[in-house]
PDB file of N, CA and C in Angstrom:
ATOM      1  N   MET A   1      40.218 -44.712 -15.075  1.00  0.00           N
ATOM      2  CA  MET A   1      41.222 -45.229 -15.963  1.00  0.00           C
ATOM      3  C   MET A   1      42.583 -45.147 -15.267  1.00  0.00           C
ATOM      4  N   LYS A   2      43.330 -46.202 -15.339  1.00  0.00           N
ATOM      5  CA  LYS A   2      44.612 -46.291 -14.662  1.00  0.00           C
ATOM      6  C   LYS A   2      45.727 -45.757 -15.557  1.00  0.00           C
ATOM      7  N   LYS A   3      46.577 -44.901 -14.986  1.00  0.00           N
ATOM      8  CA  LYS A   3      47.687 -44.347 -15.756  1.00  0.00           C
ATOM      9  C   LYS A   3      48.846 -45.340 -15.729  1.00  0.00           C
ATOM     10  N   HIS A   4      49.512 -45.431 -16.869  1.00  0.00           N
ATOM     11  CA  HIS A   4      50.675 -46.302 -16.959  1.00  0.00           C
ATOM     12  C   HIS A   4      51.922 -45.539 -16.537  1.00  0.00           C
ATOM     13  N   LYS A   5      52.786 -46.222 -15.849  1.00  0.00           N
ATOM     14  CA  LYS A   5      54.055 -45.610 -15.485  1.00  0.00           C
ATOM     15  C   LYS A   5      54.970 -45.595 -16.701  1.00  0.00           C
ATOM     16  N   SER A   6      55.700 -44.542 -16.817  1.00  0.00           N
ATOM     17  CA  SER A   6      56.635 -44.429 -17.922  1.00  0.00           C
ATOM     18  C   SER A   6      57.817 -45.352 -17.685  1.00  0.00           C
ATOM     19  N   THR A   7      58.299 -45.959 -18.746  1.00  0.00           N
ATOM     20  CA  THR A   7      59.468 -46.826 -18.623  1.00  0.00           C
ATOM     21  C   THR A   7      60.766 -46.021 -18.697  1.00  0.00           C
ATOM     22  N   ARG A   8      60.661 -44.748 -19.094  1.00  0.00           N
ATOM     23  CA  ARG A   8      61.847 -43.889 -19.162  1.00  0.00           C
ATOM     24  C   ARG A   8      62.078 -43.247 -17.808  1.00  0.00           C
ATOM     25  N   ARG A   9      63.323 -43.224 -17.387  1.00  0.00           N
ATOM     26  CA  ARG A   9      63.659 -42.579 -16.130  1.00  0.00           C
ATOM     27  C   ARG A   9      64.079 -41.148 -16.394  1.00  0.00           C
ATOM     28  N   ALA A  10      63.792 -40.293 -15.461  1.00  0.00           N
ATOM     29  CA  ALA A  10      64.186 -38.894 -15.585  1.00  0.00           C
ATOM     30  C   ALA A  10      65.695 -38.776 -15.425  1.00  0.00           C
ATOM     31  N   THR A  11      66.299 -37.918 -16.231  1.00  0.00           N
ATOM     32  CA  THR A  11      67.746 -37.719 -16.124  1.00  0.00           C
ATOM     33  C   THR A  11      68.026 -36.645 -15.088  1.00  0.00           C
ATOM     34  N   THR A  12      69.104 -36.808 -14.384  1.00  0.00           N
ATOM     35  CA  THR A  12      69.446 -35.867 -13.320  1.00  0.00           C
ATOM     36  C   THR A  12      70.663 -35.029 -13.660  1.00  0.00           C
ATOM     37  N   GLY A  13      71.194 -35.139 -14.860  1.00  0.00           N
ATOM     38  CA  GLY A  13      72.361 -34.363 -15.224  1.00  0.00           C
ATOM     39  C   GLY A  13      73.665 -35.068 -14.909  1.00  0.00           C
ATOM     40  N   THR A  14      73.585 -36.319 -14.454  1.00  0.00           N
ATOM     41  CA  THR A  14      74.808 -37.070 -14.193  1.00  0.00           C
ATOM     42  C   THR A  14      74.825 -38.299 -15.086  1.00  0.00           C
ATOM     43  N   ARG A  15      76.005 -38.712 -15.405  1.00  0.00           N
ATOM     44  CA  ARG A  15      76.157 -39.877 -16.267  1.00  0.00           C
ATOM     45  C   ARG A  15      77.143 -40.825 -15.606  1.00  0.00           C
ATOM     46  N   LYS A  16      76.815 -42.085 -15.614  1.00  0.00           N
ATOM     47  CA  LYS A  16      77.685 -43.092 -15.007  1.00  0.00           C
ATOM     48  C   LYS A  16      78.756 -43.461 -16.023  1.00  0.00           C
ATOM     49  N   THR A  17      80.009 -43.287 -15.646  1.00  0.00           N
ATOM     50  CA  THR A  17      81.102 -43.625 -16.554  1.00  0.00           C
ATOM     51  C   THR A  17      82.169 -44.386 -15.800  1.00  0.00           C
ATOM     52  N   THR A  18      82.419 -45.578 -16.211  1.00  0.00           N
ATOM     53  CA  THR A  18      83.485 -46.446 -15.684  1.00  0.00           C
ATOM     54  C   THR A  18      83.590 -46.425 -14.164  1.00  0.00           C
ATOM     55  N   GLY A  19      82.484 -46.644 -13.496  1.00  0.00           N
ATOM     56  CA  GLY A  19      82.507 -46.782 -12.055  1.00  0.00           C
ATOM     57  C   GLY A  19      82.468 -45.482 -11.276  1.00  0.00           C
ATOM     58  N   ARG A  20      82.506 -44.354 -11.913  1.00  0.00           N
ATOM     59  CA  ARG A  20      82.420 -43.086 -11.198  1.00  0.00           C
ATOM     60  C   ARG A  20      81.366 -42.213 -11.873  1.00  0.00           C
ATOM     61  N   THR A  21      80.806 -41.315 -11.118  1.00  0.00           N
ATOM     62  CA  THR A  21      79.768 -40.434 -11.635  1.00  0.00           C
ATOM     63  C   THR A  21      80.353 -39.051 -11.823  1.00  0.00           C
ATOM     64  N   ARG A  22      80.069 -38.431 -12.961  1.00  0.00           N
ATOM     65  CA  ARG A  22      80.526 -37.070 -13.187  1.00  0.00           C
ATOM     66  C   ARG A  22      79.333 -36.216 -13.576  1.00  0.00           C
ATOM     67  N   ASN A  23      79.390 -34.966 -13.250  1.00  0.00           N
ATOM     68  CA  ASN A  23      78.308 -34.045 -13.541  1.00  0.00           C
ATOM     69  C   ASN A  23      78.493 -33.517 -14.959  1.00  0.00           C
ATOM     70  N   VAL A  24      77.572 -33.819 -15.837  1.00  0.00           N
ATOM     71  CA  VAL A  24      77.672 -33.439 -17.237  1.00  0.00           C
ATOM     72  C   VAL A  24      77.419 -31.952 -17.407  1.00  0.00           C
ATOM     73  N   THR A  25      76.470 -31.388 -16.681  1.00  0.00           N
ATOM     74  CA  THR A  25      76.113 -29.991 -16.870  1.00  0.00           C
ATOM     75  C   THR A  25      77.146 -29.038 -16.288  1.00  0.00           C
ATOM     76  N   ALA A  26      78.015 -29.505 -15.396  1.00  0.00           N
ATOM     77  CA  ALA A  26      79.036 -28.626 -14.829  1.00  0.00           C
ATOM     78  C   ALA A  26      80.089 -28.264 -15.866  1.00  0.00           C
ATOM     79  N   ALA A  27      80.193 -29.032 -16.936  1.00  0.00           N
ATOM     80  CA  ALA A  27      81.172 -28.772 -17.981  1.00  0.00           C
ATOM     81  C   ALA A  27      80.688 -27.701 -18.947  1.00  0.00           C
ATOM     82  N   LEU A  28      79.431 -27.281 -18.835  1.00  0.00           N
ATOM     83  CA  LEU A  28      78.865 -26.264 -19.723  1.00  0.00           C
ATOM     84  C   LEU A  28      78.421 -25.057 -18.914  1.00  0.00           C
ATOM     85  N   ALA A  29      78.648 -23.876 -19.462  1.00  0.00           N
ATOM     86  CA  ALA A  29      78.258 -22.639 -18.779  1.00  0.00           C
ATOM     87  C   ALA A  29      77.355 -21.817 -19.687  1.00  0.00           C
ATOM     88  N   THR A  30      76.507 -21.005 -19.094  1.00  0.00           N
ATOM     89  CA  THR A  30      75.641 -20.118 -19.866  1.00  0.00           C
ATOM     90  C   THR A  30      76.437 -18.903 -20.336  1.00  0.00           C
ATOM     91  N   LEU A  31      75.845 -18.146 -21.258  1.00  0.00           N
ATOM     92  CA  LEU A  31      76.492 -16.923 -21.735  1.00  0.00           C
ATOM     93  C   LEU A  31      76.720 -15.948 -20.590  1.00  0.00           C
ATOM     94  N   SER A  32      75.743 -15.824 -19.716  1.00  0.00           N
ATOM     95  CA  SER A  32      75.866 -14.902 -18.586  1.00  0.00           C
ATOM     96  C   SER A  32      76.976 -15.325 -17.634  1.00  0.00           C
ATOM     97  N   GLU A  33      77.107 -16.617 -17.385  1.00  0.00           N
ATOM     98  CA  GLU A  33      78.160 -17.111 -16.506  1.00  0.00           C
ATOM     99  C   GLU A  33      79.544 -16.858 -17.091  1.00  0.00           C
ATOM    100  N   VAL A  34      79.684 -17.098 -18.392  1.00  0.00           N
ATOM    101  CA  VAL A  34      80.967 -16.857 -19.061  1.00  0.00           C
ATOM    102  C   VAL A  34      81.280 -15.367 -19.057  1.00  0.00           C
ATOM    103  N   ALA A  35      80.268 -14.541 -19.350  1.00  0.00           N
ATOM    104  CA  ALA A  35      80.472 -13.088 -19.359  1.00  0.00           C
ATOM    105  C   ALA A  35      80.900 -12.590 -17.984  1.00  0.00           C
ATOM    106  N   ALA A  36      80.298 -13.115 -16.931  1.00  0.00           N
ATOM    107  CA  ALA A  36      80.658 -12.699 -15.578  1.00  0.00           C
ATOM    108  C   ALA A  36      82.081 -13.124 -15.235  1.00  0.00           C
ATOM    109  N   SER A  37      82.480 -14.311 -15.661  1.00  0.00           N
ATOM    110  CA  SER A  37      83.833 -14.770 -15.341  1.00  0.00           C
ATOM    111  C   SER A  37      84.891 -14.018 -16.146  1.00  0.00           C
ATOM    112  N   LEU A  38      84.529 -13.538 -17.346  1.00  0.00           N
ATOM    113  CA  LEU A  38      85.460 -12.765 -18.163  1.00  0.00           C
ATOM    114  C   LEU A  38      85.355 -11.266 -17.906  1.00  0.00           C
ATOM    115  N   ASN A  39      84.381 -10.865 -17.106  1.00  0.00           N
ATOM    116  CA  ASN A  39      84.132  -9.458 -16.794  1.00  0.00           C
ATOM    117  C   ASN A  39      83.800  -8.645 -18.052  1.00  0.00           C
ATOM    118  N   VAL A  40      82.956  -9.217 -18.906  1.00  0.00           N
ATOM    119  CA  VAL A  40      82.465  -8.545 -20.107  1.00  0.00           C
ATOM    120  C   VAL A  40      80.952  -8.724 -20.165  1.00  0.00           C
ATOM    121  N   ARG A  41      80.333  -8.090 -21.142  1.00  0.00           N
ATOM    122  CA  ARG A  41      78.887  -8.251 -21.320  1.00  0.00           C
ATOM    123  C   ARG A  41      78.597  -9.501 -22.138  1.00  0.00           C
ATOM    124  N   PRO A  42      77.383 -10.075 -22.000  1.00  0.00           N
ATOM    125  CA  PRO A  42      77.035 -11.272 -22.770  1.00  0.00           C
ATOM    126  C   PRO A  42      77.111 -11.061 -24.287  1.00  0.00           C
ATOM    127  N   THR A  43      76.899  -9.829 -24.764  1.00  0.00           N
ATOM    128  CA  THR A  43      76.998  -9.591 -26.209  1.00  0.00           C
ATOM    129  C   THR A  43      78.430  -9.801 -26.702  1.00  0.00           C
ATOM    130  N   GLN A  44      79.410  -9.503 -25.876  1.00  0.00           N
ATOM    131  CA  GLN A  44      80.800  -9.740 -26.271  1.00  0.00           C
ATOM    132  C   GLN A  44      81.073 -11.237 -26.381  1.00  0.00           C
ATOM    133  N   VAL A  45      80.480 -12.022 -25.504  1.00  0.00           N
ATOM    134  CA  VAL A  45      80.635 -13.480 -25.578  1.00  0.00           C
ATOM    135  C   VAL A  45      79.983 -13.986 -26.859  1.00  0.00           C
ATOM    136  N   ARG A  46      78.816 -13.443 -27.206  1.00  0.00           N
ATOM    137  CA  ARG A  46      78.162 -13.828 -28.466  1.00  0.00           C
ATOM    138  C   ARG A  46      79.042 -13.491 -29.673  1.00  0.00           C
ATOM    139  N   ARG A  47      79.733 -12.350 -29.615  1.00  0.00           N
ATOM    140  CA  ARG A  47      80.632 -11.983 -30.719  1.00  0.00           C
ATOM    141  C   ARG A  47      81.779 -12.977 -30.839  1.00  0.00           C
ATOM    142  N   LEU A  48      82.338 -13.401 -29.706  1.00  0.00           N
ATOM    143  CA  LEU A  48      83.406 -14.398 -29.736  1.00  0.00           C
ATOM    144  C   LEU A  48      82.923 -15.706 -30.350  1.00  0.00           C
ATOM    145  N   VAL A  49      81.698 -16.091 -30.035  1.00  0.00           N
ATOM    146  CA  VAL A  49      81.115 -17.308 -30.597  1.00  0.00           C
ATOM    147  C   VAL A  49      80.893 -17.128 -32.103  1.00  0.00           C
ATOM    148  N   ALA A  50      80.357 -15.975 -32.516  1.00  0.00           N
ATOM    149  CA  ALA A  50      80.072 -15.724 -33.928  1.00  0.00           C
ATOM    150  C   ALA A  50      81.353 -15.712 -34.765  1.00  0.00           C
ATOM    151  N   ARG A  51      82.455 -15.195 -34.187  1.00  0.00           N
ATOM    152  CA  ARG A  51      83.733 -15.160 -34.901  1.00  0.00           C
ATOM    153  C   ARG A  51      84.450 -16.503 -34.899  1.00  0.00           C
ATOM    154  N   GLY A  52      83.941 -17.452 -34.135  1.00  0.00           N
ATOM    155  CA  GLY A  52      84.555 -18.764 -34.071  1.00  0.00           C
ATOM    156  C   GLY A  52      85.712 -18.848 -33.083  1.00  0.00           C
ATOM    157  N   GLU A  53      85.901 -17.833 -32.272  1.00  0.00           N
ATOM    158  CA  GLU A  53      86.979 -17.827 -31.293  1.00  0.00           C
ATOM    159  C   GLU A  53      86.618 -18.616 -30.037  1.00  0.00           C
ATOM    160  N   LEU A  54      85.331 -18.827 -29.821  1.00  0.00           N
ATOM    161  CA  LEU A  54      84.857 -19.549 -28.651  1.00  0.00           C
ATOM    162  C   LEU A  54      83.805 -20.558 -29.111  1.00  0.00           C
ATOM    163  N   PRO A  55      84.112 -21.862 -29.024  1.00  0.00           N
ATOM    164  CA  PRO A  55      83.135 -22.858 -29.470  1.00  0.00           C
ATOM    165  C   PRO A  55      81.938 -22.916 -28.525  1.00  0.00           C
ATOM    166  N   CYS A  56      80.800 -23.323 -29.062  1.00  0.00           N
ATOM    167  CA  CYS A  56      79.595 -23.416 -28.244  1.00  0.00           C
ATOM    168  C   CYS A  56      78.830 -24.685 -28.592  1.00  0.00           C
ATOM    169  N   VAL A  57      77.901 -25.014 -27.728  1.00  0.00           N
ATOM    170  CA  VAL A  57      77.014 -26.158 -27.915  1.00  0.00           C
ATOM    171  C   VAL A  57      75.594 -25.629 -27.871  1.00  0.00           C
ATOM    172  N   HIS A  58      74.781 -26.021 -28.835  1.00  0.00           N
ATOM    173  CA  HIS A  58      73.368 -25.627 -28.831  1.00  0.00           C
ATOM    174  C   HIS A  58      72.577 -26.670 -28.057  1.00  0.00           C
ATOM    175  N   VAL A  59      71.911 -26.214 -27.008  1.00  0.00           N
ATOM    176  CA  VAL A  59      71.021 -27.066 -26.224  1.00  0.00           C
ATOM    177  C   VAL A  59      69.631 -26.500 -26.437  1.00  0.00           C
ATOM    178  N   GLY A  60      68.904 -27.103 -27.363  1.00  0.00           N
ATOM    179  CA  GLY A  60      67.622 -26.534 -27.759  1.00  0.00           C
ATOM    180  C   GLY A  60      67.865 -25.210 -28.450  1.00  0.00           C
ATOM    181  N   ARG A  61      67.282 -24.153 -27.935  1.00  0.00           N
ATOM    182  CA  ARG A  61      67.508 -22.827 -28.514  1.00  0.00           C
ATOM    183  C   ARG A  61      68.535 -22.019 -27.736  1.00  0.00           C
ATOM    184  N   TYR A  62      69.157 -22.636 -26.753  1.00  0.00           N
ATOM    185  CA  TYR A  62      70.121 -21.950 -25.903  1.00  0.00           C
ATOM    186  C   TYR A  62      71.551 -22.308 -26.289  1.00  0.00           C
ATOM    187  N   LEU A  63      72.462 -21.382 -26.038  1.00  0.00           N
ATOM    188  CA  LEU A  63      73.878 -21.630 -26.242  1.00  0.00           C
ATOM    189  C   LEU A  63      74.519 -21.972 -24.905  1.00  0.00           C
ATOM    190  N   ARG A  64      75.366 -22.956 -24.919  1.00  0.00           N
ATOM    191  CA  ARG A  64      76.155 -23.301 -23.744  1.00  0.00           C
ATOM    192  C   ARG A  64      77.614 -23.343 -24.182  1.00  0.00           C
ATOM    193  N   ILE A  65      78.468 -22.843 -23.326  1.00  0.00           N
ATOM    194  CA  ILE A  65      79.886 -22.759 -23.626  1.00  0.00           C
ATOM    195  C   ILE A  65      80.625 -23.778 -22.763  1.00  0.00           C
ATOM    196  N   PRO A  66      81.436 -24.648 -23.367  1.00  0.00           N
ATOM    197  CA  PRO A  66      82.231 -25.568 -22.545  1.00  0.00           C
ATOM    198  C   PRO A  66      83.237 -24.789 -21.695  1.00  0.00           C
ATOM    199  N   THR A  67      83.324 -25.131 -20.425  1.00  0.00           N
ATOM    200  CA  THR A  67      84.250 -24.424 -19.544  1.00  0.00           C
ATOM    201  C   THR A  67      85.697 -24.654 -19.958  1.00  0.00           C
ATOM    202  N   SER A  68      85.970 -25.788 -20.574  1.00  0.00           N
ATOM    203  CA  SER A  68      87.324 -26.043 -21.066  1.00  0.00           C
ATOM    204  C   SER A  68      87.682 -25.072 -22.187  1.00  0.00           C
ATOM    205  N   ALA A  69      86.702 -24.667 -22.997  1.00  0.00           N
ATOM    206  CA  ALA A  69      86.951 -23.706 -24.070  1.00  0.00           C
ATOM    207  C   ALA A  69      87.252 -22.320 -23.504  1.00  0.00           C
ATOM    208  N   VAL A  70      86.599 -21.975 -22.398  1.00  0.00           N
ATOM    209  CA  VAL A  70      86.861 -20.676 -21.762  1.00  0.00           C
ATOM    210  C   VAL A  70      88.277 -20.667 -21.193  1.00  0.00           C
ATOM    211  N   ARG A  71      88.678 -21.758 -20.538  1.00  0.00           N
ATOM    212  CA  ARG A  71      90.035 -21.848 -20.006  1.00  0.00           C
ATOM    213  C   ARG A  71      91.071 -21.778 -21.127  1.00  0.00           C
ATOM    214  N   ARG A  72      90.779 -22.447 -22.252  1.00  0.00           N
ATOM    215  CA  ARG A  72      91.691 -22.425 -23.396  1.00  0.00           C
ATOM    216  C   ARG A  72      91.797 -21.018 -23.979  1.00  0.00           C
ATOM    217  N   LEU A  73      90.681 -20.305 -24.058  1.00  0.00           N
ATOM    218  CA  LEU A  73      90.683 -18.934 -24.567  1.00  0.00           C
ATOM    219  C   LEU A  73      91.530 -18.034 -23.672  1.00  0.00           C
ATOM    220  N   LEU A  74      91.381 -18.176 -22.369  1.00  0.00           N
ATOM    221  CA  LEU A  74      92.161 -17.363 -21.434  1.00  0.00           C
ATOM    222  C   LEU A  74      93.651 -17.692 -21.494  1.00  0.00           C
ATOM    223  N   ALA A  75      93.974 -18.941 -21.760  1.00  0.00           N
ATOM    224  CA  ALA A  75      95.381 -19.344 -21.814  1.00  0.00           C
ATOM    225  C   ALA A  75      96.066 -18.835 -23.078  1.00  0.00           C
ATOM    226  N   THR A  76      95.318 -18.702 -24.165  1.00  0.00           N
ATOM    227  CA  THR A  76      95.919 -18.298 -25.436  1.00  0.00           C
ATOM    228  C   THR A  76      95.836 -16.808 -25.697  1.00  0.00           C
ATOM    229  N   THR A  77      95.045 -16.085 -24.946  1.00  0.00           N
ATOM    230  CA  THR A  77      94.863 -14.655 -25.158  1.00  0.00           C
ATOM    231  C   THR A  77      95.882 -13.880 -24.337  1.00  0.00           C
ATOM    232  N   THR A  78      96.511 -12.892 -24.978  1.00  0.00           N
ATOM    233  CA  THR A  78      97.447 -12.053 -24.242  1.00  0.00           C
ATOM    234  C   THR A  78      96.703 -10.862 -23.668  1.00  0.00           C
ATOM    235  N   PRO A  79      96.953 -10.520 -22.422  1.00  0.00           N
ATOM    236  CA  PRO A  79      96.239  -9.390 -21.818  1.00  0.00           C
ATOM    237  C   PRO A  79      96.721  -8.068 -22.404  1.00  0.00           C
ATOM    238  N   LEU A  80      95.828  -7.114 -22.466  1.00  0.00           N
ATOM    239  CA  LEU A  80      96.163  -5.781 -22.940  1.00  0.00           C
ATOM    240  C   LEU A  80      96.845  -4.997 -21.828  1.00  0.00           C
ATOM    241  N   PRO A  81      97.758  -4.107 -22.188  1.00  0.00           N
ATOM    242  CA  PRO A  81      98.389  -3.304 -21.138  1.00  0.00           C
ATOM    243  C   PRO A  81      97.389  -2.337 -20.530  1.00  0.00           C
ATOM    244  N   VAL A  82      97.572  -2.059 -19.261  1.00  0.00           N
ATOM    245  CA  VAL A  82      96.685  -1.150 -18.547  1.00  0.00           C
ATOM    246  C   VAL A  82      97.135   0.275 -18.832  1.00  0.00           C
ATOM    247  N   ARG A  83      96.186   1.134 -19.219  1.00  0.00           N
ATOM    248  CA  ARG A  83      96.504   2.531 -19.504  1.00  0.00           C
ATOM    249  C   ARG A  83      96.516   3.329 -18.212  1.00  0.00           C
ATOM    250  N   ALA A  84      97.410   4.273 -18.150  1.00  0.00           N
ATOM    251  CA  ALA A  84      97.448   5.167 -16.995  1.00  0.00           C
ATOM    252  C   ALA A  84      96.303   6.156 -17.114  1.00  0.00           C
ATOM    253  N   VAL A  85      95.613   6.386 -16.022  1.00  0.00           N
ATOM    254  CA  VAL A  85      94.464   7.293 -16.005  1.00  0.00           C
ATOM    255  C   VAL A  85      94.785   8.453 -15.080  1.00  0.00           C
ATOM    256  N   LYS A  86      94.508   9.642 -15.553  1.00  0.00           N
ATOM    257  CA  LYS A  86      94.711  10.819 -14.700  1.00  0.00           C
ATOM    258  C   LYS A  86      93.668  10.818 -13.612  1.00  0.00           C
ATOM    259  N   ASN A  87      93.996  11.437 -12.516  1.00  0.00           N
ATOM    260  CA  ASN A  87      93.024  11.556 -11.433  1.00  0.00           C
ATOM    261  C   ASN A  87      91.886  12.433 -11.890  1.00  0.00           C
ATOM    262  N   PRO A  88      90.646  11.947 -11.826  1.00  0.00           N
ATOM    263  CA  PRO A  88      89.520  12.763 -12.260  1.00  0.00           C
ATOM    264  C   PRO A  88      89.312  13.962 -11.330  1.00  0.00           C
ATOM    265  N   GLY A  89      88.971  15.079 -11.924  1.00  0.00           N
ATOM    266  CA  GLY A  89      88.694  16.265 -11.138  1.00  0.00           C
ATOM    267  C   GLY A  89      89.903  17.124 -10.863  1.00  0.00           C
ATOM    268  N   GLN A  90      91.057  16.627 -11.203  1.00  0.00           N
ATOM    269  CA  GLN A  90      92.262  17.427 -10.984  1.00  0.00           C
ATOM    270  C   GLN A  90      92.786  17.901 -12.342  1.00  0.00           C
ATOM    271  N   GLY A  91      93.037  19.157 -12.434  1.00  0.00           N
ATOM    272  CA  GLY A  91      93.565  19.716 -13.668  1.00  0.00           C
ATOM    273  C   GLY A  91      95.060  19.544 -13.739  1.00  0.00           C
ATOM    274  N   VAL A  92      95.613  20.012 -14.799  1.00  0.00           N
ATOM    275  CA  VAL A  92      97.058  19.941 -14.968  1.00  0.00           C
ATOM    276  C   VAL A  92      97.699  20.971 -14.064  1.00  0.00           C
ATOM    277  N   GLN A  93      98.620  20.534 -13.266  1.00  0.00           N
ATOM    278  CA  GLN A  93      99.274  21.431 -12.342  1.00  0.00           C
ATOM    279  C   GLN A  93     100.486  22.055 -13.014  1.00  0.00           C
ATOM    280  N   THR A  94     100.683  23.349 -12.803  1.00  0.00           N
ATOM    281  CA  THR A  94     101.841  24.013 -13.412  1.00  0.00           C
ATOM    282  C   THR A  94     102.833  24.457 -12.373  1.00  0.00           C
TER     283      THR A  94
END
């Protein structure tokens, strides 16, 4: 029995738009990628998504975060001041 070729072409993650090709998947990042770039754990990224502070896109059962949303979050968030830490192992000198 002869197999029929599918008329659908496989997608490669690129979309042709007005004469130029752009990578569609590069605009989305995984939770782990966002967590690594923010230097936090993935659960903290999930909390930001749950609170509505970071928009997400559901791709099947996975969450993807637009990289533009991460840049926007970093631009609008004020950094916390760095606390002074005593040298570990050294007691108070009198």
